[in-house]
């Protein structure tokens, strides 16, 4: 291992930032398919190489879930409900964690976001 390679992997971790992912749709009916959430806009600082990502559900049991992640290894996935969502949901939020790994030096970092999917009956 070269000197630069050895120094690159020393100390610190990646800083990972992401926003909550939400989808709120509505219609003149009690239940519907809200569609997919926005992406979390995941950004990583403190690395020197490309990053790999892994998303996992930490907690939360939505009434009409669990939510389906489009790609658990994507930097910016979306989530959707497995079927119709109704406006009487007791819970509509899950907590998801992303772990980012710098492929060049092995540094890791993580953050958590809320994933919320809602349906509103407009009647």
PDB file of N, CA and C in Angstrom:
ATOM      1  N   UNK A   1       0.836  -1.164   0.000  1.00  0.00           N
ATOM      2  CA  UNK A   1       0.000   0.000   0.000  1.00  0.00           C
ATOM      3  C   UNK A   1       0.886   1.234   0.000  1.00  0.00           C
ATOM      4  N   UNK A   2       0.589   2.187  -0.863  1.00  0.00           N
ATOM      5  CA  UNK A   2       1.351   3.420  -0.939  1.00  0.00           C
ATOM      6  C   UNK A   2       1.023   4.363   0.203  1.00  0.00           C
ATOM      7  N   UNK A   3       1.878   5.368   0.391  1.00  0.00           N
ATOM      8  CA  UNK A   3       1.677   6.330   1.475  1.00  0.00           C
ATOM      9  C   UNK A   3       0.346   7.068   1.316  1.00  0.00           C
ATOM     10  N   UNK A   4       0.023   7.509   0.105  1.00  0.00           N
ATOM     11  CA  UNK A   4      -1.223   8.234  -0.104  1.00  0.00           C
ATOM     12  C   UNK A   4      -2.428   7.343   0.175  1.00  0.00           C
ATOM     13  N   UNK A   5      -2.360   6.091  -0.202  1.00  0.00           N
ATOM     14  CA  UNK A   5      -3.469   5.175   0.065  1.00  0.00           C
ATOM     15  C   UNK A   5      -3.649   4.984   1.569  1.00  0.00           C
ATOM     16  N   UNK A   6      -2.547   4.854   2.281  1.00  0.00           N
ATOM     17  CA  UNK A   6      -2.627   4.642   3.730  1.00  0.00           C
ATOM     18  C   UNK A   6      -3.211   5.866   4.424  1.00  0.00           C
ATOM     19  N   UNK A   7      -2.804   7.055   4.018  1.00  0.00           N
ATOM     20  CA  UNK A   7      -3.304   8.270   4.645  1.00  0.00           C
ATOM     21  C   UNK A   7      -4.774   8.517   4.317  1.00  0.00           C
ATOM     22  N   UNK A   8      -5.215   8.121   3.138  1.00  0.00           N
ATOM     23  CA  UNK A   8      -6.596   8.367   2.732  1.00  0.00           C
ATOM     24  C   UNK A   8      -7.583   7.653   3.637  1.00  0.00           C
ATOM     25  N   UNK A   9      -7.246   6.503   4.142  1.00  0.00           N
ATOM     26  CA  UNK A   9      -8.168   5.727   4.954  1.00  0.00           C
ATOM     27  C   UNK A   9      -8.084   6.019   6.442  1.00  0.00           C
ATOM     28  N   UNK A  10      -7.276   6.978   6.846  1.00  0.00           N
ATOM     29  CA  UNK A  10      -7.071   7.241   8.266  1.00  0.00           C
ATOM     30  C   UNK A  10      -8.088   8.248   8.775  1.00  0.00           C
ATOM     31  N   UNK A  11      -8.730   7.920   9.888  1.00  0.00           N
ATOM     32  CA  UNK A  11      -9.590   8.849  10.608  1.00  0.00           C
ATOM     33  C   UNK A  11     -10.822   9.303   9.873  1.00  0.00           C
ATOM     34  N   UNK A  12     -11.770   9.814  10.662  1.00  0.00           N
ATOM     35  CA  UNK A  12     -12.963  10.432  10.120  1.00  0.00           C
ATOM     36  C   UNK A  12     -13.941   9.464   9.502  1.00  0.00           C
ATOM     37  N   UNK A  13     -15.032  10.030   9.104  1.00  0.00           N
ATOM     38  CA  UNK A  13     -16.052   9.255   8.421  1.00  0.00           C
ATOM     39  C   UNK A  13     -16.727  10.151   7.403  1.00  0.00           C
ATOM     40  N   UNK A  14     -17.556   9.557   6.604  1.00  0.00           N
ATOM     41  CA  UNK A  14     -18.296  10.325   5.618  1.00  0.00           C
ATOM     42  C   UNK A  14     -19.440  11.066   6.297  1.00  0.00           C
ATOM     43  N   UNK A  15     -19.768  12.226   5.784  1.00  0.00           N
ATOM     44  CA  UNK A  15     -20.954  12.935   6.235  1.00  0.00           C
ATOM     45  C   UNK A  15     -22.026  12.718   5.179  1.00  0.00           C
ATOM     46  N   UNK A  16     -23.143  12.146   5.593  1.00  0.00           N
ATOM     47  CA  UNK A  16     -24.231  11.833   4.669  1.00  0.00           C
ATOM     48  C   UNK A  16     -25.446  12.677   5.039  1.00  0.00           C
ATOM     49  N   UNK A  17     -26.007  13.351   4.045  1.00  0.00           N
ATOM     50  CA  UNK A  17     -27.201  14.164   4.236  1.00  0.00           C
ATOM     51  C   UNK A  17     -28.282  13.704   3.270  1.00  0.00           C
ATOM     52  N   UNK A  18     -29.522  13.659   3.759  1.00  0.00           N
ATOM     53  CA  UNK A  18     -30.661  13.291   2.910  1.00  0.00           C
ATOM     54  C   UNK A  18     -31.916  13.901   3.505  1.00  0.00           C
ATOM     55  N   UNK A  19     -32.867  14.194   2.654  1.00  0.00           N
ATOM     56  CA  UNK A  19     -34.143  14.767   3.083  1.00  0.00           C
ATOM     57  C   UNK A  19     -35.197  13.679   3.194  1.00  0.00           C
ATOM     58  N   UNK A  20     -36.247  13.970   3.945  1.00  0.00           N
ATOM     59  CA  UNK A  20     -37.361  13.042   4.046  1.00  0.00           C
ATOM     60  C   UNK A  20     -38.010  12.840   2.678  1.00  0.00           C
ATOM     61  N   UNK A  21     -38.552  11.650   2.462  1.00  0.00           N
ATOM     62  CA  UNK A  21     -39.235  11.319   1.211  1.00  0.00           C
ATOM     63  C   UNK A  21     -40.729  11.233   1.491  1.00  0.00           C
ATOM     64  N   UNK A  22     -41.522  11.976   0.724  1.00  0.00           N
ATOM     65  CA  UNK A  22     -42.956  12.003   0.964  1.00  0.00           C
ATOM     66  C   UNK A  22     -43.747  11.919  -0.334  1.00  0.00           C
ATOM     67  N   UNK A  23     -44.965  11.449  -0.193  1.00  0.00           N
ATOM     68  CA  UNK A  23     -45.924  11.486  -1.290  1.00  0.00           C
ATOM     69  C   UNK A  23     -47.297  11.645  -0.671  1.00  0.00           C
ATOM     70  N   UNK A  24     -48.026  12.653  -1.089  1.00  0.00           N
ATOM     71  CA  UNK A  24     -49.387  12.891  -0.622  1.00  0.00           C
ATOM     72  C   UNK A  24     -50.239  13.127  -1.849  1.00  0.00           C
ATOM     73  N   UNK A  25     -51.190  12.241  -2.084  1.00  0.00           N
ATOM     74  CA  UNK A  25     -52.075  12.376  -3.224  1.00  0.00           C
ATOM     75  C   UNK A  25     -53.498  12.350  -2.720  1.00  0.00           C
ATOM     76  N   UNK A  26     -54.450  12.671  -3.585  1.00  0.00           N
ATOM     77  CA  UNK A  26     -55.832  12.755  -3.142  1.00  0.00           C
ATOM     78  C   UNK A  26     -56.784  12.444  -4.285  1.00  0.00           C
ATOM     79  N   UNK A  27     -58.034  12.251  -3.915  1.00  0.00           N
ATOM     80  CA  UNK A  27     -59.080  12.004  -4.893  1.00  0.00           C
ATOM     81  C   UNK A  27     -60.434  11.988  -4.208  1.00  0.00           C
ATOM     82  N   UNK A  28     -61.475  11.853  -5.008  1.00  0.00           N
ATOM     83  CA  UNK A  28     -62.832  11.850  -4.481  1.00  0.00           C
ATOM     84  C   UNK A  28     -63.278  10.424  -4.165  1.00  0.00           C
ATOM     85  N   UNK A  29     -62.426   9.750  -3.415  1.00  0.00           N
ATOM     86  CA  UNK A  29     -62.642   8.368  -3.021  1.00  0.00           C
ATOM     87  C   UNK A  29     -61.814   8.121  -1.762  1.00  0.00           C
ATOM     88  N   UNK A  30     -62.220   7.180  -0.946  1.00  0.00           N
ATOM     89  CA  UNK A  30     -61.551   6.951   0.335  1.00  0.00           C
ATOM     90  C   UNK A  30     -60.163   6.365   0.254  1.00  0.00           C
ATOM     91  N   UNK A  31     -59.850   5.638  -0.829  1.00  0.00           N
ATOM     92  CA  UNK A  31     -58.542   4.988  -0.986  1.00  0.00           C
ATOM     93  C   UNK A  31     -58.038   5.206  -2.403  1.00  0.00           C
ATOM     94  N   UNK A  32     -56.731   5.165  -2.573  1.00  0.00           N
ATOM     95  CA  UNK A  32     -56.159   5.320  -3.903  1.00  0.00           C
ATOM     96  C   UNK A  32     -54.689   4.966  -3.920  1.00  0.00           C
ATOM     97  N   UNK A  33     -54.112   5.066  -5.102  1.00  0.00           N
ATOM     98  CA  UNK A  33     -52.685   4.793  -5.292  1.00  0.00           C
ATOM     99  C   UNK A  33     -51.957   6.136  -5.356  1.00  0.00           C
ATOM    100  N   UNK A  34     -51.279   6.519  -4.273  1.00  0.00           N
ATOM    101  CA  UNK A  34     -50.619   7.828  -4.242  1.00  0.00           C
ATOM    102  C   UNK A  34     -49.484   7.988  -5.244  1.00  0.00           C
ATOM    103  N   UNK A  35     -48.834   6.898  -5.655  1.00  0.00           N
ATOM    104  CA  UNK A  35     -47.670   6.999  -6.525  1.00  0.00           C
ATOM    105  C   UNK A  35     -46.383   6.927  -5.724  1.00  0.00           C
ATOM    106  N   UNK A  36     -45.298   7.320  -6.338  1.00  0.00           N
ATOM    107  CA  UNK A  36     -43.980   7.223  -5.700  1.00  0.00           C
ATOM    108  C   UNK A  36     -43.588   8.528  -5.030  1.00  0.00           C
ATOM    109  N   UNK A  37     -42.773   8.405  -3.996  1.00  0.00           N
ATOM    110  CA  UNK A  37     -42.269   9.575  -3.267  1.00  0.00           C
ATOM    111  C   UNK A  37     -41.247  10.335  -4.109  1.00  0.00           C
ATOM    112  N   UNK A  38     -40.877  11.494  -3.610  1.00  0.00           N
ATOM    113  CA  UNK A  38     -39.717  12.205  -4.144  1.00  0.00           C
ATOM    114  C   UNK A  38     -38.461  11.441  -3.724  1.00  0.00           C
ATOM    115  N   UNK A  39     -37.349  11.744  -4.343  1.00  0.00           N
ATOM    116  CA  UNK A  39     -36.082  11.138  -3.924  1.00  0.00           C
ATOM    117  C   UNK A  39     -35.522  11.937  -2.746  1.00  0.00           C
ATOM    118  N   UNK A  40     -34.678  11.315  -1.926  1.00  0.00           N
ATOM    119  CA  UNK A  40     -34.163  12.018  -0.745  1.00  0.00           C
ATOM    120  C   UNK A  40     -33.018  12.990  -1.006  1.00  0.00           C
ATOM    121  N   UNK A  41     -32.513  13.051  -2.223  1.00  0.00           N
ATOM    122  CA  UNK A  41     -31.421  13.983  -2.516  1.00  0.00           C
ATOM    123  C   UNK A  41     -30.173  13.707  -1.708  1.00  0.00           C
ATOM    124  N   UNK A  42     -29.794  12.447  -1.609  1.00  0.00           N
ATOM    125  CA  UNK A  42     -28.668  12.022  -0.780  1.00  0.00           C
ATOM    126  C   UNK A  42     -27.358  12.618  -1.279  1.00  0.00           C
ATOM    127  N   UNK A  43     -26.619  13.240  -0.368  1.00  0.00           N
ATOM    128  CA  UNK A  43     -25.321  13.835  -0.687  1.00  0.00           C
ATOM    129  C   UNK A  43     -24.285  13.339   0.315  1.00  0.00           C
ATOM    130  N   UNK A  44     -23.071  13.112  -0.174  1.00  0.00           N
ATOM    131  CA  UNK A  44     -21.988  12.595   0.662  1.00  0.00           C
ATOM    132  C   UNK A  44     -20.805  13.553   0.600  1.00  0.00           C
ATOM    133  N   UNK A  45     -20.230  13.845   1.772  1.00  0.00           N
ATOM    134  CA  UNK A  45     -19.037  14.675   1.855  1.00  0.00           C
ATOM    135  C   UNK A  45     -17.977  13.949   2.662  1.00  0.00           C
ATOM    136  N   UNK A  46     -16.709  14.215   2.335  1.00  0.00           N
ATOM    137  CA  UNK A  46     -15.606  13.666   3.106  1.00  0.00           C
ATOM    138  C   UNK A  46     -14.943  12.454   2.493  1.00  0.00           C
ATOM    139  N   UNK A  47     -15.359  12.054   1.326  1.00  0.00           N
ATOM    140  CA  UNK A  47     -14.757  10.907   0.670  1.00  0.00           C
ATOM    141  C   UNK A  47     -13.839  11.312  -0.458  1.00  0.00           C
ATOM    142  N   UNK A  48     -13.171  10.319  -1.030  1.00  0.00           N
ATOM    143  CA  UNK A  48     -12.269  10.593  -2.155  1.00  0.00           C
ATOM    144  C   UNK A  48     -12.624   9.778  -3.389  1.00  0.00           C
ATOM    145  N   UNK A  49     -13.524   8.842  -3.237  1.00  0.00           N
ATOM    146  CA  UNK A  49     -13.874   7.979  -4.359  1.00  0.00           C
ATOM    147  C   UNK A  49     -15.370   7.963  -4.600  1.00  0.00           C
ATOM    148  N   UNK A  50     -15.793   7.020  -5.424  1.00  0.00           N
ATOM    149  CA  UNK A  50     -17.219   6.819  -5.618  1.00  0.00           C
ATOM    150  C   UNK A  50     -17.772   6.088  -4.396  1.00  0.00           C
ATOM    151  N   UNK A  51     -19.060   6.166  -4.203  1.00  0.00           N
ATOM    152  CA  UNK A  51     -19.686   5.586  -3.024  1.00  0.00           C
ATOM    153  C   UNK A  51     -20.671   4.488  -3.396  1.00  0.00           C
ATOM    154  N   UNK A  52     -20.834   3.541  -2.492  1.00  0.00           N
ATOM    155  CA  UNK A  52     -21.916   2.583  -2.604  1.00  0.00           C
ATOM    156  C   UNK A  52     -22.903   2.898  -1.487  1.00  0.00           C
ATOM    157  N   UNK A  53     -24.160   2.512  -1.698  1.00  0.00           N
ATOM    158  CA  UNK A  53     -25.226   2.856  -0.769  1.00  0.00           C
ATOM    159  C   UNK A  53     -26.033   1.617  -0.421  1.00  0.00           C
ATOM    160  N   UNK A  54     -26.555   1.603   0.801  1.00  0.00           N
ATOM    161  CA  UNK A  54     -27.459   0.540   1.213  1.00  0.00           C
ATOM    162  C   UNK A  54     -28.530   1.132   2.126  1.00  0.00           C
ATOM    163  N   UNK A  55     -29.783   1.033   1.679  1.00  0.00           N
ATOM    164  CA  UNK A  55     -30.932   1.518   2.434  1.00  0.00           C
ATOM    165  C   UNK A  55     -31.594   0.354   3.168  1.00  0.00           C
ATOM    166  N   UNK A  56     -31.934   0.561   4.441  1.00  0.00           N
ATOM    167  CA  UNK A  56     -32.668  -0.443   5.218  1.00  0.00           C
ATOM    168  C   UNK A  56     -33.757   0.244   6.037  1.00  0.00           C
ATOM    169  N   UNK A  57     -34.868  -0.468   6.221  1.00  0.00           N
ATOM    170  CA  UNK A  57     -35.955   0.054   7.047  1.00  0.00           C
ATOM    171  C   UNK A  57     -35.580  -0.146   8.510  1.00  0.00           C
ATOM    172  N   UNK A  58     -35.639   0.923   9.297  1.00  0.00           N
ATOM    173  CA  UNK A  58     -35.270   0.878  10.708  1.00  0.00           C
ATOM    174  C   UNK A  58     -36.490   0.594  11.578  1.00  0.00           C
ATOM    175  N   UNK A  59     -37.572   1.321  11.332  1.00  0.00           N
ATOM    176  CA  UNK A  59     -38.768   1.141  12.150  1.00  0.00           C
ATOM    177  C   UNK A  59     -39.968   1.760  11.464  1.00  0.00           C
ATOM    178  N   UNK A  60     -41.103   1.533  12.073  1.00  0.00           N
ATOM    179  CA  UNK A  60     -42.354   2.058  11.552  1.00  0.00           C
ATOM    180  C   UNK A  60     -43.150   0.958  10.876  1.00  0.00           C
ATOM    181  N   UNK A  61     -44.442   0.977  11.150  1.00  0.00           N
ATOM    182  CA  UNK A  61     -45.335   0.009  10.525  1.00  0.00           C
ATOM    183  C   UNK A  61     -46.555   0.755  10.008  1.00  0.00           C
ATOM    184  N   UNK A  62     -46.471   1.288   8.794  1.00  0.00           N
ATOM    185  CA  UNK A  62     -47.615   1.999   8.244  1.00  0.00           C
ATOM    186  C   UNK A  62     -48.826   1.075   8.099  1.00  0.00           C
ATOM    187  N   UNK A  63     -49.995   1.635   8.280  1.00  0.00           N
ATOM    188  CA  UNK A  63     -51.230   0.880   8.171  1.00  0.00           C
ATOM    189  C   UNK A  63     -51.300   0.138   6.836  1.00  0.00           C
ATOM    190  N   UNK A  64     -50.872   0.774   5.752  1.00  0.00           N
ATOM    191  CA  UNK A  64     -50.969   0.172   4.419  1.00  0.00           C
ATOM    192  C   UNK A  64     -49.611  -0.187   3.838  1.00  0.00           C
ATOM    193  N   UNK A  65     -48.624  -0.383   4.688  1.00  0.00           N
ATOM    194  CA  UNK A  65     -47.261  -0.709   4.256  1.00  0.00           C
ATOM    195  C   UNK A  65     -46.957  -2.175   4.449  1.00  0.00           C
ATOM    196  N   UNK A  66     -45.709  -2.581   4.470  1.00  0.00           N
ATOM    197  CA  UNK A  66     -44.531  -1.701   4.448  1.00  0.00           C
ATOM    198  C   UNK A  66     -44.298  -1.107   3.058  1.00  0.00           C
ATOM    199  N   UNK A  67     -43.676   0.056   3.048  1.00  0.00           N
ATOM    200  CA  UNK A  67     -43.391   0.733   1.779  1.00  0.00           C
ATOM    201  C   UNK A  67     -42.349  -0.049   0.991  1.00  0.00           C
ATOM    202  N   UNK A  68     -42.443   0.041  -0.311  1.00  0.00           N
ATOM    203  CA  UNK A  68     -41.526  -0.661  -1.217  1.00  0.00           C
ATOM    204  C   UNK A  68     -40.494   0.326  -1.753  1.00  0.00           C
ATOM    205  N   UNK A  69     -39.219   0.008  -1.537  1.00  0.00           N
ATOM    206  CA  UNK A  69     -38.111   0.841  -2.028  1.00  0.00           C
ATOM    207  C   UNK A  69     -37.783   0.431  -3.455  1.00  0.00           C
ATOM    208  N   UNK A  70     -37.600   1.415  -4.341  1.00  0.00           N
ATOM    209  CA  UNK A  70     -37.332   1.122  -5.752  1.00  0.00           C
ATOM    210  C   UNK A  70     -35.994   0.420  -5.957  1.00  0.00           C
ATOM    211  N   UNK A  71     -34.982   0.730  -5.135  1.00  0.00           N
ATOM    212  CA  UNK A  71     -33.662   0.104  -5.271  1.00  0.00           C
ATOM    213  C   UNK A  71     -32.864   0.399  -4.006  1.00  0.00           C
ATOM    214  N   UNK A  72     -32.683  -0.594  -3.151  1.00  0.00           N
ATOM    215  CA  UNK A  72     -32.011  -0.375  -1.862  1.00  0.00           C
ATOM    216  C   UNK A  72     -30.522  -0.055  -2.009  1.00  0.00           C
ATOM    217  N   UNK A  73     -29.959  -0.187  -3.206  1.00  0.00           N
ATOM    218  CA  UNK A  73     -28.549   0.154  -3.418  1.00  0.00           C
ATOM    219  C   UNK A  73     -28.368   1.448  -4.220  1.00  0.00           C
ATOM    220  N   UNK A  74     -29.452   2.161  -4.475  1.00  0.00           N
ATOM    221  CA  UNK A  74     -29.379   3.424  -5.219  1.00  0.00           C
ATOM    222  C   UNK A  74     -29.063   4.580  -4.271  1.00  0.00           C
ATOM    223  N   UNK A  75     -28.399   5.588  -4.791  1.00  0.00           N
ATOM    224  CA  UNK A  75     -28.131   6.782  -3.990  1.00  0.00           C
ATOM    225  C   UNK A  75     -29.442   7.498  -3.663  1.00  0.00           C
ATOM    226  N   UNK A  76     -30.353   7.542  -4.620  1.00  0.00           N
ATOM    227  CA  UNK A  76     -31.608   8.276  -4.461  1.00  0.00           C
ATOM    228  C   UNK A  76     -32.802   7.464  -4.947  1.00  0.00           C
ATOM    229  N   UNK A  77     -33.230   6.489  -4.156  1.00  0.00           N
ATOM    230  CA  UNK A  77     -34.395   5.700  -4.544  1.00  0.00           C
ATOM    231  C   UNK A  77     -35.697   6.462  -4.282  1.00  0.00           C
ATOM    232  N   UNK A  78     -36.802   5.854  -4.685  1.00  0.00           N
ATOM    233  CA  UNK A  78     -38.134   6.328  -4.326  1.00  0.00           C
ATOM    234  C   UNK A  78     -38.837   5.186  -3.600  1.00  0.00           C
ATOM    235  N   UNK A  79     -39.939   5.507  -2.950  1.00  0.00           N
ATOM    236  CA  UNK A  79     -40.737   4.492  -2.251  1.00  0.00           C
ATOM    237  C   UNK A  79     -42.169   4.595  -2.725  1.00  0.00           C
ATOM    238  N   UNK A  80     -42.900   3.482  -2.642  1.00  0.00           N
ATOM    239  CA  UNK A  80     -44.310   3.457  -3.003  1.00  0.00           C
ATOM    240  C   UNK A  80     -45.024   2.489  -2.070  1.00  0.00           C
ATOM    241  N   UNK A  81     -46.329   2.616  -2.017  1.00  0.00           N
ATOM    242  CA  UNK A  81     -47.142   1.691  -1.235  1.00  0.00           C
ATOM    243  C   UNK A  81     -47.328   0.413  -2.047  1.00  0.00           C
ATOM    244  N   UNK A  82     -47.469  -0.739  -1.384  1.00  0.00           N
ATOM    245  CA  UNK A  82     -47.648  -1.999  -2.101  1.00  0.00           C
ATOM    246  C   UNK A  82     -49.031  -2.129  -2.727  1.00  0.00           C
ATOM    247  N   UNK A  83     -49.971  -1.281  -2.335  1.00  0.00           N
ATOM    248  CA  UNK A  83     -51.337  -1.302  -2.850  1.00  0.00           C
ATOM    249  C   UNK A  83     -52.003   0.016  -2.525  1.00  0.00           C
ATOM    250  N   UNK A  84     -53.326   0.056  -2.580  1.00  0.00           N
ATOM    251  CA  UNK A  84     -54.020   1.310  -2.260  1.00  0.00           C
ATOM    252  C   UNK A  84     -53.752   1.763  -0.828  1.00  0.00           C
ATOM    253  N   UNK A  85     -53.791   3.073  -0.631  1.00  0.00           N
ATOM    254  CA  UNK A  85     -53.654   3.699   0.672  1.00  0.00           C
ATOM    255  C   UNK A  85     -54.977   4.427   0.946  1.00  0.00           C
ATOM    256  N   UNK A  86     -55.482   4.304   2.165  1.00  0.00           N
ATOM    257  CA  UNK A  86     -56.744   4.956   2.523  1.00  0.00           C
ATOM    258  C   UNK A  86     -56.489   6.123   3.461  1.00  0.00           C
ATOM    259  N   UNK A  87     -57.450   7.048   3.497  1.00  0.00           N
ATOM    260  CA  UNK A  87     -57.248   8.254   4.299  1.00  0.00           C
ATOM    261  C   UNK A  87     -57.443   8.029   5.790  1.00  0.00           C
ATOM    262  N   UNK A  88     -57.784   6.821   6.208  1.00  0.00           N
ATOM    263  CA  UNK A  88     -57.981   6.544   7.629  1.00  0.00           C
ATOM    264  C   UNK A  88     -56.754   5.887   8.268  1.00  0.00           C
ATOM    265  N   UNK A  89     -55.599   6.024   7.658  1.00  0.00           N
ATOM    266  CA  UNK A  89     -54.384   5.361   8.147  1.00  0.00           C
ATOM    267  C   UNK A  89     -53.991   5.886   9.529  1.00  0.00           C
ATOM    268  N   UNK A  90     -53.758   4.966  10.462  1.00  0.00           N
ATOM    269  CA  UNK A  90     -53.259   5.340  11.783  1.00  0.00           C
ATOM    270  C   UNK A  90     -51.781   5.729  11.721  1.00  0.00           C
ATOM    271  N   UNK A  91     -51.063   5.124  10.798  1.00  0.00           N
ATOM    272  CA  UNK A  91     -49.636   5.386  10.650  1.00  0.00           C
ATOM    273  C   UNK A  91     -49.289   5.401   9.171  1.00  0.00           C
ATOM    274  N   UNK A  92     -48.475   6.350   8.763  1.00  0.00           N
ATOM    275  CA  UNK A  92     -48.108   6.464   7.361  1.00  0.00           C
ATOM    276  C   UNK A  92     -46.614   6.673   7.157  1.00  0.00           C
ATOM    277  N   UNK A  93     -45.820   6.493   8.222  1.00  0.00           N
ATOM    278  CA  UNK A  93     -44.392   6.816   8.161  1.00  0.00           C
ATOM    279  C   UNK A  93     -43.527   5.633   8.587  1.00  0.00           C
ATOM    280  N   UNK A  94     -42.460   5.432   7.839  1.00  0.00           N
ATOM    281  CA  UNK A  94     -41.391   4.499   8.213  1.00  0.00           C
ATOM    282  C   UNK A  94     -40.105   5.300   8.348  1.00  0.00           C
ATOM    283  N   UNK A  95     -39.167   4.804   9.130  1.00  0.00           N
ATOM    284  CA  UNK A  95     -37.839   5.403   9.228  1.00  0.00           C
ATOM    285  C   UNK A  95     -36.880   4.491   8.466  1.00  0.00           C
ATOM    286  N   UNK A  96     -36.122   5.077   7.539  1.00  0.00           N
ATOM    287  CA  UNK A  96     -35.141   4.349   6.740  1.00  0.00           C
ATOM    288  C   UNK A  96     -33.757   4.931   6.997  1.00  0.00           C
ATOM    289  N   UNK A  97     -32.758   4.060   6.942  1.00  0.00           N
ATOM    290  CA  UNK A  97     -31.362   4.448   7.148  1.00  0.00           C
ATOM    291  C   UNK A  97     -30.582   4.130   5.873  1.00  0.00           C
ATOM    292  N   UNK A  98     -29.717   5.058   5.481  1.00  0.00           N
ATOM    293  CA  UNK A  98     -28.802   4.809   4.372  1.00  0.00           C
ATOM    294  C   UNK A  98     -27.382   4.803   4.927  1.00  0.00           C
ATOM    295  N   UNK A  99     -26.604   3.804   4.508  1.00  0.00           N
ATOM    296  CA  UNK A  99     -25.183   3.726   4.825  1.00  0.00           C
ATOM    297  C   UNK A  99     -24.427   3.923   3.521  1.00  0.00           C
ATOM    298  N   UNK A 100     -23.530   4.898   3.517  1.00  0.00           N
ATOM    299  CA  UNK A 100     -22.689   5.161   2.348  1.00  0.00           C
ATOM    300  C   UNK A 100     -21.272   4.703   2.660  1.00  0.00           C
ATOM    301  N   UNK A 101     -20.642   4.051   1.689  1.00  0.00           N
ATOM    302  CA  UNK A 101     -19.268   3.583   1.839  1.00  0.00           C
ATOM    303  C   UNK A 101     -18.433   4.139   0.701  1.00  0.00           C
ATOM    304  N   UNK A 102     -17.300   4.760   1.037  1.00  0.00           N
ATOM    305  CA  UNK A 102     -16.375   5.266   0.035  1.00  0.00           C
ATOM    306  C   UNK A 102     -15.593   4.068  -0.511  1.00  0.00           C
ATOM    307  N   UNK A 103     -15.716   3.823  -1.806  1.00  0.00           N
ATOM    308  CA  UNK A 103     -15.064   2.667  -2.416  1.00  0.00           C
ATOM    309  C   UNK A 103     -13.542   2.780  -2.451  1.00  0.00           C
ATOM    310  N   UNK A 104     -13.000   3.997  -2.329  1.00  0.00           N
ATOM    311  CA  UNK A 104     -11.552   4.173  -2.402  1.00  0.00           C
ATOM    312  C   UNK A 104     -10.867   3.960  -1.055  1.00  0.00           C
ATOM    313  N   UNK A 105     -11.502   4.420   0.032  1.00  0.00           N
ATOM    314  CA  UNK A 105     -10.811   4.348   1.315  1.00  0.00           C
ATOM    315  C   UNK A 105     -11.594   3.607   2.405  1.00  0.00           C
ATOM    316  N   UNK A 106     -12.792   3.155   2.097  1.00  0.00           N
ATOM    317  CA  UNK A 106     -13.563   2.367   3.057  1.00  0.00           C
ATOM    318  C   UNK A 106     -14.277   3.166   4.135  1.00  0.00           C
ATOM    319  N   UNK A 107     -14.164   4.485   4.130  1.00  0.00           N
ATOM    320  CA  UNK A 107     -14.876   5.287   5.115  1.00  0.00           C
ATOM    321  C   UNK A 107     -16.378   5.092   4.947  1.00  0.00           C
ATOM    322  N   UNK A 108     -17.098   5.144   6.069  1.00  0.00           N
ATOM    323  CA  UNK A 108     -18.542   5.004   5.994  1.00  0.00           C
ATOM    324  C   UNK A 108     -19.222   6.143   6.740  1.00  0.00           C
ATOM    325  N   UNK A 109     -20.465   6.354   6.409  1.00  0.00           N
ATOM    326  CA  UNK A 109     -21.304   7.335   7.082  1.00  0.00           C
ATOM    327  C   UNK A 109     -22.752   6.935   6.872  1.00  0.00           C
ATOM    328  N   UNK A 110     -23.625   7.472   7.709  1.00  0.00           N
ATOM    329  CA  UNK A 110     -25.033   7.126   7.557  1.00  0.00           C
ATOM    330  C   UNK A 110     -25.923   8.259   8.028  1.00  0.00           C
ATOM    331  N   UNK A 111     -27.185   8.164   7.673  1.00  0.00           N
ATOM    332  CA  UNK A 111     -28.213   9.076   8.159  1.00  0.00           C
ATOM    333  C   UNK A 111     -29.551   8.370   8.047  1.00  0.00           C
ATOM    334  N   UNK A 112     -30.548   8.923   8.733  1.00  0.00           N
ATOM    335  CA  UNK A 112     -31.893   8.365   8.683  1.00  0.00           C
ATOM    336  C   UNK A 112     -32.877   9.398   8.160  1.00  0.00           C
ATOM    337  N   UNK A 113     -33.926   8.912   7.495  1.00  0.00           N
ATOM    338  CA  UNK A 113     -34.977   9.787   6.987  1.00  0.00           C
ATOM    339  C   UNK A 113     -36.340   9.179   7.309  1.00  0.00           C
ATOM    340  N   UNK A 114     -37.373  10.012   7.262  1.00  0.00           N
ATOM    341  CA  UNK A 114     -38.746   9.547   7.334  1.00  0.00           C
ATOM    342  C   UNK A 114     -39.272   9.359   5.915  1.00  0.00           C
ATOM    343  N   UNK A 115     -39.977   8.269   5.701  1.00  0.00           N
ATOM    344  CA  UNK A 115     -40.650   8.016   4.424  1.00  0.00           C
ATOM    345  C   UNK A 115     -42.144   7.970   4.726  1.00  0.00           C
ATOM    346  N   UNK A 116     -42.875   8.943   4.187  1.00  0.00           N
ATOM    347  CA  UNK A 116     -44.301   9.088   4.479  1.00  0.00           C
ATOM    348  C   UNK A 116     -45.116   9.064   3.192  1.00  0.00           C
ATOM    349  N   UNK A 117     -46.164   8.243   3.175  1.00  0.00           N
ATOM    350  CA  UNK A 117     -47.063   8.153   2.021  1.00  0.00           C
ATOM    351  C   UNK A 117     -48.493   8.311   2.537  1.00  0.00           C
ATOM    352  N   UNK A 118     -49.213   9.279   1.974  1.00  0.00           N
ATOM    353  CA  UNK A 118     -50.556   9.622   2.431  1.00  0.00           C
ATOM    354  C   UNK A 118     -51.560   9.642   1.281  1.00  0.00           C
ATOM    355  N   UNK A 119     -52.821   9.430   1.622  1.00  0.00           N
ATOM    356  CA  UNK A 119     -53.942   9.597   0.687  1.00  0.00           C
ATOM    357  C   UNK A 119     -54.982  10.447   1.398  1.00  0.00           C
ATOM    358  N   UNK A 120     -55.511  11.448   0.714  1.00  0.00           N
ATOM    359  CA  UNK A 120     -56.526  12.318   1.279  1.00  0.00           C
ATOM    360  C   UNK A 120     -57.810  12.192   0.479  1.00  0.00           C
ATOM    361  N   UNK A 121     -58.906  11.890   1.167  1.00  0.00           N
ATOM    362  CA  UNK A 121     -60.221  11.795   0.548  1.00  0.00           C
ATOM    363  C   UNK A 121     -60.794  13.210   0.451  1.00  0.00           C
ATOM    364  N   UNK A 122     -61.094  13.688  -0.761  1.00  0.00           N
ATOM    365  CA  UNK A 122     -61.569  15.049  -0.964  1.00  0.00           C
ATOM    366  C   UNK A 122     -63.091  15.194  -0.886  1.00  0.00           C
ATOM    367  N   UNK A 123     -63.774  14.102  -0.582  1.00  0.00           N
ATOM    368  CA  UNK A 123     -65.243  14.194  -0.510  1.00  0.00           C
ATOM    369  C   UNK A 123     -65.673  15.012   0.678  1.00  0.00           C
TER     370      UNK A 123
END
